[in-house]
mmCIF file of all heavy atoms, coordinates in Angstrom:
data_MODEL
# 
_entry.id   MODEL 
# 
loop_
_atom_site.group_PDB 
_atom_site.id 
_atom_site.type_symbol 
_atom_site.label_atom_id 
_atom_site.label_alt_id 
_atom_site.label_comp_id 
_atom_site.label_asym_id 
_atom_site.label_entity_id 
_atom_site.label_seq_id 
_atom_site.pdbx_PDB_ins_code 
_atom_site.Cartn_x 
_atom_site.Cartn_y 
_atom_site.Cartn_z 
_atom_site.occupancy 
_atom_site.B_iso_or_equiv 
_atom_site.pdbx_formal_charge 
_atom_site.auth_seq_id 
_atom_site.auth_comp_id 
_atom_site.auth_asym_id 
_atom_site.auth_atom_id 
_atom_site.pdbx_PDB_model_num 
ATOM 1   N N   . ARG A 1 1  ? 1.452  -14.281 -10.831 1.00 0.00 ? 1  ARG A N   1 
ATOM 2   C CA  . ARG A 1 1  ? 2.067  -14.169 -9.507  1.00 0.00 ? 1  ARG A CA  1 
ATOM 3   C C   . ARG A 1 1  ? 2.678  -12.791 -9.312  1.00 0.00 ? 1  ARG A C   1 
ATOM 4   O O   . ARG A 1 1  ? 2.501  -12.151 -8.275  1.00 0.00 ? 1  ARG A O   1 
ATOM 5   C CB  . ARG A 1 1  ? 3.147  -15.254 -9.332  1.00 0.00 ? 1  ARG A CB  1 
ATOM 6   C CG  . ARG A 1 1  ? 2.700  -16.446 -8.528  1.00 0.00 ? 1  ARG A CG  1 
ATOM 7   C CD  . ARG A 1 1  ? 3.836  -17.332 -8.073  1.00 0.00 ? 1  ARG A CD  1 
ATOM 8   N NE  . ARG A 1 1  ? 4.871  -17.615 -9.066  1.00 0.00 ? 1  ARG A NE  1 
ATOM 9   C CZ  . ARG A 1 1  ? 4.822  -18.559 -9.982  1.00 0.00 ? 1  ARG A CZ  1 
ATOM 10  N NH1 . ARG A 1 1  ? 3.767  -19.344 -10.053 1.00 0.00 ? 1  ARG A NH1 1 
ATOM 11  N NH2 . ARG A 1 1  ? 5.797  -18.739 -10.832 1.00 0.00 ? 1  ARG A NH2 1 
ATOM 12  N N   . LEU A 1 2  ? 3.414  -12.339 -10.326 1.00 0.00 ? 2  LEU A N   1 
ATOM 13  C CA  . LEU A 1 2  ? 4.028  -11.012 -10.245 1.00 0.00 ? 2  LEU A CA  1 
ATOM 14  C C   . LEU A 1 2  ? 2.972  -9.918  -10.121 1.00 0.00 ? 2  LEU A C   1 
ATOM 15  O O   . LEU A 1 2  ? 3.109  -8.988  -9.324  1.00 0.00 ? 2  LEU A O   1 
ATOM 16  C CB  . LEU A 1 2  ? 4.910  -10.744 -11.476 1.00 0.00 ? 2  LEU A CB  1 
ATOM 17  C CG  . LEU A 1 2  ? 6.225  -11.522 -11.540 1.00 0.00 ? 2  LEU A CG  1 
ATOM 18  C CD1 . LEU A 1 2  ? 6.902  -11.314 -12.890 1.00 0.00 ? 2  LEU A CD1 1 
ATOM 19  C CD2 . LEU A 1 2  ? 7.152  -11.087 -10.423 1.00 0.00 ? 2  LEU A CD2 1 
ATOM 20  N N   . ALA A 1 3  ? 1.899  -10.027 -10.910 1.00 0.00 ? 3  ALA A N   1 
ATOM 21  C CA  . ALA A 1 3  ? 0.828  -9.023  -10.869 1.00 0.00 ? 3  ALA A CA  1 
ATOM 22  C C   . ALA A 1 3  ? 0.183  -8.999  -9.489  1.00 0.00 ? 3  ALA A C   1 
ATOM 23  O O   . ALA A 1 3  ? -0.096 -7.933  -8.934  1.00 0.00 ? 3  ALA A O   1 
ATOM 24  C CB  . ALA A 1 3  ? -0.217 -9.312  -11.946 1.00 0.00 ? 3  ALA A CB  1 
ATOM 25  N N   . GLU A 1 4  ? -0.025 -10.191 -8.900  1.00 0.00 ? 4  GLU A N   1 
ATOM 26  C CA  . GLU A 1 4  ? -0.625 -10.260 -7.563  1.00 0.00 ? 4  GLU A CA  1 
ATOM 27  C C   . GLU A 1 4  ? 0.301  -9.627  -6.528  1.00 0.00 ? 4  GLU A C   1 
ATOM 28  O O   . GLU A 1 4  ? -0.125 -8.892  -5.649  1.00 0.00 ? 4  GLU A O   1 
ATOM 29  C CB  . GLU A 1 4  ? -0.916 -11.715 -7.199  1.00 0.00 ? 4  GLU A CB  1 
ATOM 30  C CG  . GLU A 1 4  ? -1.684 -11.858 -5.897  1.00 0.00 ? 4  GLU A CG  1 
ATOM 31  C CD  . GLU A 1 4  ? -1.950 -13.310 -5.529  1.00 0.00 ? 4  GLU A CD  1 
ATOM 32  O OE1 . GLU A 1 4  ? -1.967 -14.167 -6.427  1.00 0.00 ? 4  GLU A OE1 1 
ATOM 33  O OE2 . GLU A 1 4  ? -2.138 -13.567 -4.338  1.00 0.00 ? 4  GLU A OE2 1 
ATOM 34  N N   . GLY A 1 5  ? 1.614  -9.921  -6.646  1.00 0.00 ? 5  GLY A N   1 
ATOM 35  C CA  . GLY A 1 5  ? 2.596  -9.325  -5.725  1.00 0.00 ? 5  GLY A CA  1 
ATOM 36  C C   . GLY A 1 5  ? 2.627  -7.820  -5.840  1.00 0.00 ? 5  GLY A C   1 
ATOM 37  O O   . GLY A 1 5  ? 2.659  -7.093  -4.836  1.00 0.00 ? 5  GLY A O   1 
ATOM 38  N N   . ILE A 1 6  ? 2.619  -7.326  -7.081  1.00 0.00 ? 6  ILE A N   1 
ATOM 39  C CA  . ILE A 1 6  ? 2.621  -5.880  -7.309  1.00 0.00 ? 6  ILE A CA  1 
ATOM 40  C C   . ILE A 1 6  ? 1.345  -5.263  -6.736  1.00 0.00 ? 6  ILE A C   1 
ATOM 41  O O   . ILE A 1 6  ? 1.377  -4.212  -6.084  1.00 0.00 ? 6  ILE A O   1 
ATOM 42  C CB  . ILE A 1 6  ? 2.777  -5.559  -8.815  1.00 0.00 ? 6  ILE A CB  1 
ATOM 43  C CG1 . ILE A 1 6  ? 4.195  -5.919  -9.274  1.00 0.00 ? 6  ILE A CG1 1 
ATOM 44  C CG2 . ILE A 1 6  ? 2.456  -4.108  -9.111  1.00 0.00 ? 6  ILE A CG2 1 
ATOM 45  C CD1 . ILE A 1 6  ? 4.388  -5.923  -10.781 1.00 0.00 ? 6  ILE A CD1 1 
ATOM 46  N N   . SER A 1 7  ? 0.217  -5.934  -6.963  1.00 0.00 ? 7  SER A N   1 
ATOM 47  C CA  . SER A 1 7  ? -1.067 -5.439  -6.457  1.00 0.00 ? 7  SER A CA  1 
ATOM 48  C C   . SER A 1 7  ? -1.058 -5.392  -4.934  1.00 0.00 ? 7  SER A C   1 
ATOM 49  O O   . SER A 1 7  ? -1.481 -4.410  -4.322  1.00 0.00 ? 7  SER A O   1 
ATOM 50  C CB  . SER A 1 7  ? -2.194 -6.337  -6.955  1.00 0.00 ? 7  SER A CB  1 
ATOM 51  O OG  . SER A 1 7  ? -3.415 -5.933  -6.406  1.00 0.00 ? 7  SER A OG  1 
ATOM 52  N N   . ARG A 1 8  ? -0.538 -6.479  -4.292  1.00 0.00 ? 8  ARG A N   1 
ATOM 53  C CA  . ARG A 1 8  ? -0.469 -6.517  -2.827  1.00 0.00 ? 8  ARG A CA  1 
ATOM 54  C C   . ARG A 1 8  ? 0.439  -5.416  -2.300  1.00 0.00 ? 8  ARG A C   1 
ATOM 55  O O   . ARG A 1 8  ? 0.110  -4.710  -1.337  1.00 0.00 ? 8  ARG A O   1 
ATOM 56  C CB  . ARG A 1 8  ? 0.033  -7.891  -2.378  1.00 0.00 ? 8  ARG A CB  1 
ATOM 57  C CG  . ARG A 1 8  ? -0.915 -8.592  -1.430  1.00 0.00 ? 8  ARG A CG  1 
ATOM 58  C CD  . ARG A 1 8  ? -0.358 -9.846  -0.798  1.00 0.00 ? 8  ARG A CD  1 
ATOM 59  N NE  . ARG A 1 8  ? 0.734  -10.506 -1.463  1.00 0.00 ? 8  ARG A NE  1 
ATOM 60  C CZ  . ARG A 1 8  ? 0.607  -11.551 -2.259  1.00 0.00 ? 8  ARG A CZ  1 
ATOM 61  N NH1 . ARG A 1 8  ? -0.576 -12.053 -2.512  1.00 0.00 ? 8  ARG A NH1 1 
ATOM 62  N NH2 . ARG A 1 8  ? 1.665  -12.102 -2.812  1.00 0.00 ? 8  ARG A NH2 1 
ATOM 63  N N   . LYS A 1 9  ? 1.616  -5.246  -2.949  1.00 0.00 ? 9  LYS A N   1 
ATOM 64  C CA  . LYS A 1 9  ? 2.552  -4.200  -2.527  1.00 0.00 ? 9  LYS A CA  1 
ATOM 65  C C   . LYS A 1 9  ? 1.902  -2.829  -2.690  1.00 0.00 ? 9  LYS A C   1 
ATOM 66  O O   . LYS A 1 9  ? 2.028  -1.956  -1.837  1.00 0.00 ? 9  LYS A O   1 
ATOM 67  C CB  . LYS A 1 9  ? 3.840  -4.278  -3.340  1.00 0.00 ? 9  LYS A CB  1 
ATOM 68  C CG  . LYS A 1 9  ? 4.889  -3.270  -2.885  1.00 0.00 ? 9  LYS A CG  1 
ATOM 69  C CD  . LYS A 1 9  ? 6.145  -3.384  -3.697  1.00 0.00 ? 9  LYS A CD  1 
ATOM 70  C CE  . LYS A 1 9  ? 7.238  -2.436  -3.259  1.00 0.00 ? 9  LYS A CE  1 
ATOM 71  N NZ  . LYS A 1 9  ? 6.866  -1.088  -2.951  1.00 0.00 ? 9  LYS A NZ  1 
ATOM 72  N N   . SER A 1 10 ? 1.197  -2.649  -3.796  1.00 0.00 ? 10 SER A N   1 
ATOM 73  C CA  . SER A 1 10 ? 0.520  -1.381  -4.048  1.00 0.00 ? 10 SER A CA  1 
ATOM 74  C C   . SER A 1 10 ? -0.525 -1.109  -2.970  1.00 0.00 ? 10 SER A C   1 
ATOM 75  O O   . SER A 1 10 ? -0.620 0.000   -2.449  1.00 0.00 ? 10 SER A O   1 
ATOM 76  C CB  . SER A 1 10 ? -0.125 -1.414  -5.428  1.00 0.00 ? 10 SER A CB  1 
ATOM 77  O OG  . SER A 1 10 ? -0.861 -0.246  -5.653  1.00 0.00 ? 10 SER A OG  1 
ATOM 78  N N   . GLU A 1 11 ? -1.301 -2.146  -2.603  1.00 0.00 ? 11 GLU A N   1 
ATOM 79  C CA  . GLU A 1 11 ? -2.308 -1.988  -1.545  1.00 0.00 ? 11 GLU A CA  1 
ATOM 80  C C   . GLU A 1 11 ? -1.639 -1.632  -0.219  1.00 0.00 ? 11 GLU A C   1 
ATOM 81  O O   . GLU A 1 11 ? -2.114 -0.767  0.507   1.00 0.00 ? 11 GLU A O   1 
ATOM 82  C CB  . GLU A 1 11 ? -3.119 -3.279  -1.389  1.00 0.00 ? 11 GLU A CB  1 
ATOM 83  C CG  . GLU A 1 11 ? -4.124 -3.511  -2.498  1.00 0.00 ? 11 GLU A CG  1 
ATOM 84  C CD  . GLU A 1 11 ? -4.754 -4.893  -2.439  1.00 0.00 ? 11 GLU A CD  1 
ATOM 85  O OE1 . GLU A 1 11 ? -4.551 -5.615  -1.428  1.00 0.00 ? 11 GLU A OE1 1 
ATOM 86  O OE2 . GLU A 1 11 ? -5.460 -5.247  -3.401  1.00 0.00 ? 11 GLU A OE2 1 
ATOM 87  N N   . ASN A 1 12 ? -0.521 -2.311  0.096   1.00 0.00 ? 12 ASN A N   1 
ATOM 88  C CA  . ASN A 1 12 ? 0.214  -2.019  1.330   1.00 0.00 ? 12 ASN A CA  1 
ATOM 89  C C   . ASN A 1 12 ? 0.757  -0.596  1.316   1.00 0.00 ? 12 ASN A C   1 
ATOM 90  O O   . ASN A 1 12 ? 0.697  0.112   2.325   1.00 0.00 ? 12 ASN A O   1 
ATOM 91  C CB  . ASN A 1 12 ? 1.363  -3.014  1.534   1.00 0.00 ? 12 ASN A CB  1 
ATOM 92  C CG  . ASN A 1 12 ? 0.862  -4.373  1.955   1.00 0.00 ? 12 ASN A CG  1 
ATOM 93  O OD1 . ASN A 1 12 ? -0.253 -4.513  2.433   1.00 0.00 ? 12 ASN A OD1 1 
ATOM 94  N ND2 . ASN A 1 12 ? 1.687  -5.390  1.768   1.00 0.00 ? 12 ASN A ND2 1 
ATOM 95  N N   . ASP A 1 13 ? 1.314  -0.186  0.155   1.00 0.00 ? 13 ASP A N   1 
ATOM 96  C CA  . ASP A 1 13 ? 1.847  1.174   0.035   1.00 0.00 ? 13 ASP A CA  1 
ATOM 97  C C   . ASP A 1 13 ? 0.747  2.206   0.245   1.00 0.00 ? 13 ASP A C   1 
ATOM 98  O O   . ASP A 1 13 ? 0.940  3.211   0.935   1.00 0.00 ? 13 ASP A O   1 
ATOM 99  C CB  . ASP A 1 13 ? 2.516  1.388   -1.333  1.00 0.00 ? 13 ASP A CB  1 
ATOM 100 C CG  . ASP A 1 13 ? 3.837  0.634   -1.464  1.00 0.00 ? 13 ASP A CG  1 
ATOM 101 O OD1 . ASP A 1 13 ? 4.331  0.133   -0.424  1.00 0.00 ? 13 ASP A OD1 1 
ATOM 102 O OD2 . ASP A 1 13 ? 4.365  0.541   -2.596  1.00 0.00 ? 13 ASP A OD2 1 
ATOM 103 N N   . VAL A 1 14 ? -0.427 1.946   -0.342  1.00 0.00 ? 14 VAL A N   1 
ATOM 104 C CA  . VAL A 1 14 ? -1.558 2.873   -0.190  1.00 0.00 ? 14 VAL A CA  1 
ATOM 105 C C   . VAL A 1 14 ? -1.998 2.913   1.276   1.00 0.00 ? 14 VAL A C   1 
ATOM 106 O O   . VAL A 1 14 ? -2.244 3.982   1.836   1.00 0.00 ? 14 VAL A O   1 
ATOM 107 C CB  . VAL A 1 14 ? -2.732 2.468   -1.125  1.00 0.00 ? 14 VAL A CB  1 
ATOM 108 C CG1 . VAL A 1 14 ? -4.002 3.223   -0.766  1.00 0.00 ? 14 VAL A CG1 1 
ATOM 109 C CG2 . VAL A 1 14 ? -2.365 2.728   -2.578  1.00 0.00 ? 14 VAL A CG2 1 
ATOM 110 N N   . ALA A 1 15 ? -2.082 1.746   1.915   1.00 0.00 ? 15 ALA A N   1 
ATOM 111 C CA  . ALA A 1 15 ? -2.487 1.690   3.331   1.00 0.00 ? 15 ALA A CA  1 
ATOM 112 C C   . ALA A 1 15 ? -1.477 2.433   4.207   1.00 0.00 ? 15 ALA A C   1 
ATOM 113 O O   . ALA A 1 15 ? -1.860 3.208   5.095   1.00 0.00 ? 15 ALA A O   1 
ATOM 114 C CB  . ALA A 1 15 ? -2.626 0.238   3.782   1.00 0.00 ? 15 ALA A CB  1 
ATOM 115 N N   . ASN A 1 16 ? -0.175 2.210   3.954   1.00 0.00 ? 16 ASN A N   1 
ATOM 116 C CA  . ASN A 1 16 ? 0.865  2.907   4.723   1.00 0.00 ? 16 ASN A CA  1 
ATOM 117 C C   . ASN A 1 16 ? 0.792  4.410   4.511   1.00 0.00 ? 16 ASN A C   1 
ATOM 118 O O   . ASN A 1 16 ? 0.930  5.191   5.454   1.00 0.00 ? 16 ASN A O   1 
ATOM 119 C CB  . ASN A 1 16 ? 2.262  2.392   4.343   1.00 0.00 ? 16 ASN A CB  1 
ATOM 120 C CG  . ASN A 1 16 ? 2.522  1.005   4.879   1.00 0.00 ? 16 ASN A CG  1 
ATOM 121 O OD1 . ASN A 1 16 ? 1.873  0.565   5.812   1.00 0.00 ? 16 ASN A OD1 1 
ATOM 122 N ND2 . ASN A 1 16 ? 3.460  0.299   4.268   1.00 0.00 ? 16 ASN A ND2 1 
ATOM 123 N N   . TYR A 1 17 ? 0.588  4.814   3.267   1.00 0.00 ? 17 TYR A N   1 
ATOM 124 C CA  . TYR A 1 17 ? 0.480  6.244   2.953   1.00 0.00 ? 17 TYR A CA  1 
ATOM 125 C C   . TYR A 1 17 ? -0.718 6.848   3.684   1.00 0.00 ? 17 TYR A C   1 
ATOM 126 O O   . TYR A 1 17 ? -0.616 7.916   4.293   1.00 0.00 ? 17 TYR A O   1 
ATOM 127 C CB  . TYR A 1 17 ? 0.354  6.450   1.438   1.00 0.00 ? 17 TYR A CB  1 
ATOM 128 C CG  . TYR A 1 17 ? 0.081  7.886   1.071   1.00 0.00 ? 17 TYR A CG  1 
ATOM 129 C CD1 . TYR A 1 17 ? 1.103  8.829   1.075   1.00 0.00 ? 17 TYR A CD1 1 
ATOM 130 C CD2 . TYR A 1 17 ? -1.209 8.300   0.736   1.00 0.00 ? 17 TYR A CD2 1 
ATOM 131 C CE1 . TYR A 1 17 ? 0.850  10.147  0.760   1.00 0.00 ? 17 TYR A CE1 1 
ATOM 132 C CE2 . TYR A 1 17 ? -1.468 9.622   0.422   1.00 0.00 ? 17 TYR A CE2 1 
ATOM 133 C CZ  . TYR A 1 17 ? -0.443 10.546  0.426   1.00 0.00 ? 17 TYR A CZ  1 
ATOM 134 O OH  . TYR A 1 17 ? -0.701 11.856  0.130   1.00 0.00 ? 17 TYR A OH  1 
ATOM 135 N N   . ASN A 1 18 ? -1.869 6.142   3.637   1.00 0.00 ? 18 ASN A N   1 
ATOM 136 C CA  . ASN A 1 18 ? -3.068 6.644   4.310   1.00 0.00 ? 18 ASN A CA  1 
ATOM 137 C C   . ASN A 1 18 ? -2.855 6.747   5.817   1.00 0.00 ? 18 ASN A C   1 
ATOM 138 O O   . ASN A 1 18 ? -3.295 7.697   6.453   1.00 0.00 ? 18 ASN A O   1 
ATOM 139 C CB  . ASN A 1 18 ? -4.280 5.751   4.000   1.00 0.00 ? 18 ASN A CB  1 
ATOM 140 C CG  . ASN A 1 18 ? -4.786 5.952   2.582   1.00 0.00 ? 18 ASN A CG  1 
ATOM 141 O OD1 . ASN A 1 18 ? -4.525 6.977   1.967   1.00 0.00 ? 18 ASN A OD1 1 
ATOM 142 N ND2 . ASN A 1 18 ? -5.503 4.966   2.065   1.00 0.00 ? 18 ASN A ND2 1 
ATOM 143 N N   . GLU A 1 19 ? -2.147 5.759   6.369   1.00 0.00 ? 19 GLU A N   1 
ATOM 144 C CA  . GLU A 1 19 ? -1.850 5.777   7.804   1.00 0.00 ? 19 GLU A CA  1 
ATOM 145 C C   . GLU A 1 19 ? -0.953 6.965   8.152   1.00 0.00 ? 19 GLU A C   1 
ATOM 146 O O   . GLU A 1 19 ? -1.198 7.681   9.133   1.00 0.00 ? 19 GLU A O   1 
ATOM 147 C CB  . GLU A 1 19 ? -1.168 4.457   8.175   1.00 0.00 ? 19 GLU A CB  1 
ATOM 148 C CG  . GLU A 1 19 ? -1.113 4.180   9.650   1.00 0.00 ? 19 GLU A CG  1 
ATOM 149 C CD  . GLU A 1 19 ? -0.502 2.813   9.931   1.00 0.00 ? 19 GLU A CD  1 
ATOM 150 O OE1 . GLU A 1 19 ? -1.076 1.804   9.471   1.00 0.00 ? 19 GLU A OE1 1 
ATOM 151 O OE2 . GLU A 1 19 ? 0.549  2.779   10.585  1.00 0.00 ? 19 GLU A OE2 1 
ATOM 152 N N   . ARG A 1 20 ? 0.098  7.172   7.342   1.00 0.00 ? 20 ARG A N   1 
ATOM 153 C CA  . ARG A 1 20 ? 0.998  8.309   7.586   1.00 0.00 ? 20 ARG A CA  1 
ATOM 154 C C   . ARG A 1 20 ? 0.252  9.630   7.427   1.00 0.00 ? 20 ARG A C   1 
ATOM 155 O O   . ARG A 1 20 ? 0.465  10.572  8.187   1.00 0.00 ? 20 ARG A O   1 
ATOM 156 C CB  . ARG A 1 20 ? 2.202  8.249   6.640   1.00 0.00 ? 20 ARG A CB  1 
ATOM 157 C CG  . ARG A 1 20 ? 3.229  7.201   7.023   1.00 0.00 ? 20 ARG A CG  1 
ATOM 158 C CD  . ARG A 1 20 ? 4.555  7.375   6.294   1.00 0.00 ? 20 ARG A CD  1 
ATOM 159 N NE  . ARG A 1 20 ? 4.437  7.552   4.871   1.00 0.00 ? 20 ARG A NE  1 
ATOM 160 C CZ  . ARG A 1 20 ? 4.388  6.570   3.982   1.00 0.00 ? 20 ARG A CZ  1 
ATOM 161 N NH1 . ARG A 1 20 ? 4.441  5.317   4.383   1.00 0.00 ? 20 ARG A NH1 1 
ATOM 162 N NH2 . ARG A 1 20 ? 4.288  6.829   2.687   1.00 0.00 ? 20 ARG A NH2 1 
ATOM 163 N N   . LEU A 1 21 ? -0.609 9.709   6.423   1.00 0.00 ? 21 LEU A N   1 
ATOM 164 C CA  . LEU A 1 21 ? -1.386 10.919  6.175   1.00 0.00 ? 21 LEU A CA  1 
ATOM 165 C C   . LEU A 1 21 ? -2.314 11.200  7.355   1.00 0.00 ? 21 LEU A C   1 
ATOM 166 O O   . LEU A 1 21 ? -2.383 12.332  7.842   1.00 0.00 ? 21 LEU A O   1 
ATOM 167 C CB  . LEU A 1 21 ? -2.191 10.779  4.877   1.00 0.00 ? 21 LEU A CB  1 
ATOM 168 C CG  . LEU A 1 21 ? -3.006 11.991  4.446   1.00 0.00 ? 21 LEU A CG  1 
ATOM 169 C CD1 . LEU A 1 21 ? -2.087 13.173  4.159   1.00 0.00 ? 21 LEU A CD1 1 
ATOM 170 C CD2 . LEU A 1 21 ? -3.830 11.673  3.209   1.00 0.00 ? 21 LEU A CD2 1 
ATOM 171 N N   . ALA A 1 22 ? -3.009 10.162  7.845   1.00 0.00 ? 22 ALA A N   1 
ATOM 172 C CA  . ALA A 1 22 ? -3.908 10.328  8.994   1.00 0.00 ? 22 ALA A CA  1 
ATOM 173 C C   . ALA A 1 22 ? -3.124 10.770  10.222  1.00 0.00 ? 22 ALA A C   1 
ATOM 174 O O   . ALA A 1 22 ? -3.558 11.650  10.975  1.00 0.00 ? 22 ALA A O   1 
ATOM 175 C CB  . ALA A 1 22 ? -4.653 9.026   9.276   1.00 0.00 ? 22 ALA A CB  1 
ATOM 176 N N   . SER A 1 23 ? -1.941 10.183  10.417  1.00 0.00 ? 23 SER A N   1 
ATOM 177 C CA  . SER A 1 23 ? -1.091 10.546  11.554  1.00 0.00 ? 23 SER A CA  1 
ATOM 178 C C   . SER A 1 23 ? -0.638 12.001  11.441  1.00 0.00 ? 23 SER A C   1 
ATOM 179 O O   . SER A 1 23 ? -0.644 12.743  12.424  1.00 0.00 ? 23 SER A O   1 
ATOM 180 C CB  . SER A 1 23 ? 0.113  9.607   11.602  1.00 0.00 ? 23 SER A CB  1 
ATOM 181 O OG  . SER A 1 23 ? 0.960  9.942   12.649  1.00 0.00 ? 23 SER A OG  1 
ATOM 182 N N   . ALA A 1 24 ? -0.244 12.415  10.234  1.00 0.00 ? 24 ALA A N   1 
ATOM 183 C CA  . ALA A 1 24 ? 0.202  13.803  10.016  1.00 0.00 ? 24 ALA A CA  1 
ATOM 184 C C   . ALA A 1 24 ? -0.949 14.782  10.246  1.00 0.00 ? 24 ALA A C   1 
ATOM 185 O O   . ALA A 1 24 ? -0.762 15.838  10.860  1.00 0.00 ? 24 ALA A O   1 
ATOM 186 C CB  . ALA A 1 24 ? 0.757  13.961  8.603   1.00 0.00 ? 24 ALA A CB  1 
# 
């Protein structure tokens, strides 16, 4: 469960970073 949560958070962080990067 923890690994899945970390993986999901990591995916969200990567998506947010990519979105911010594209916006910049």
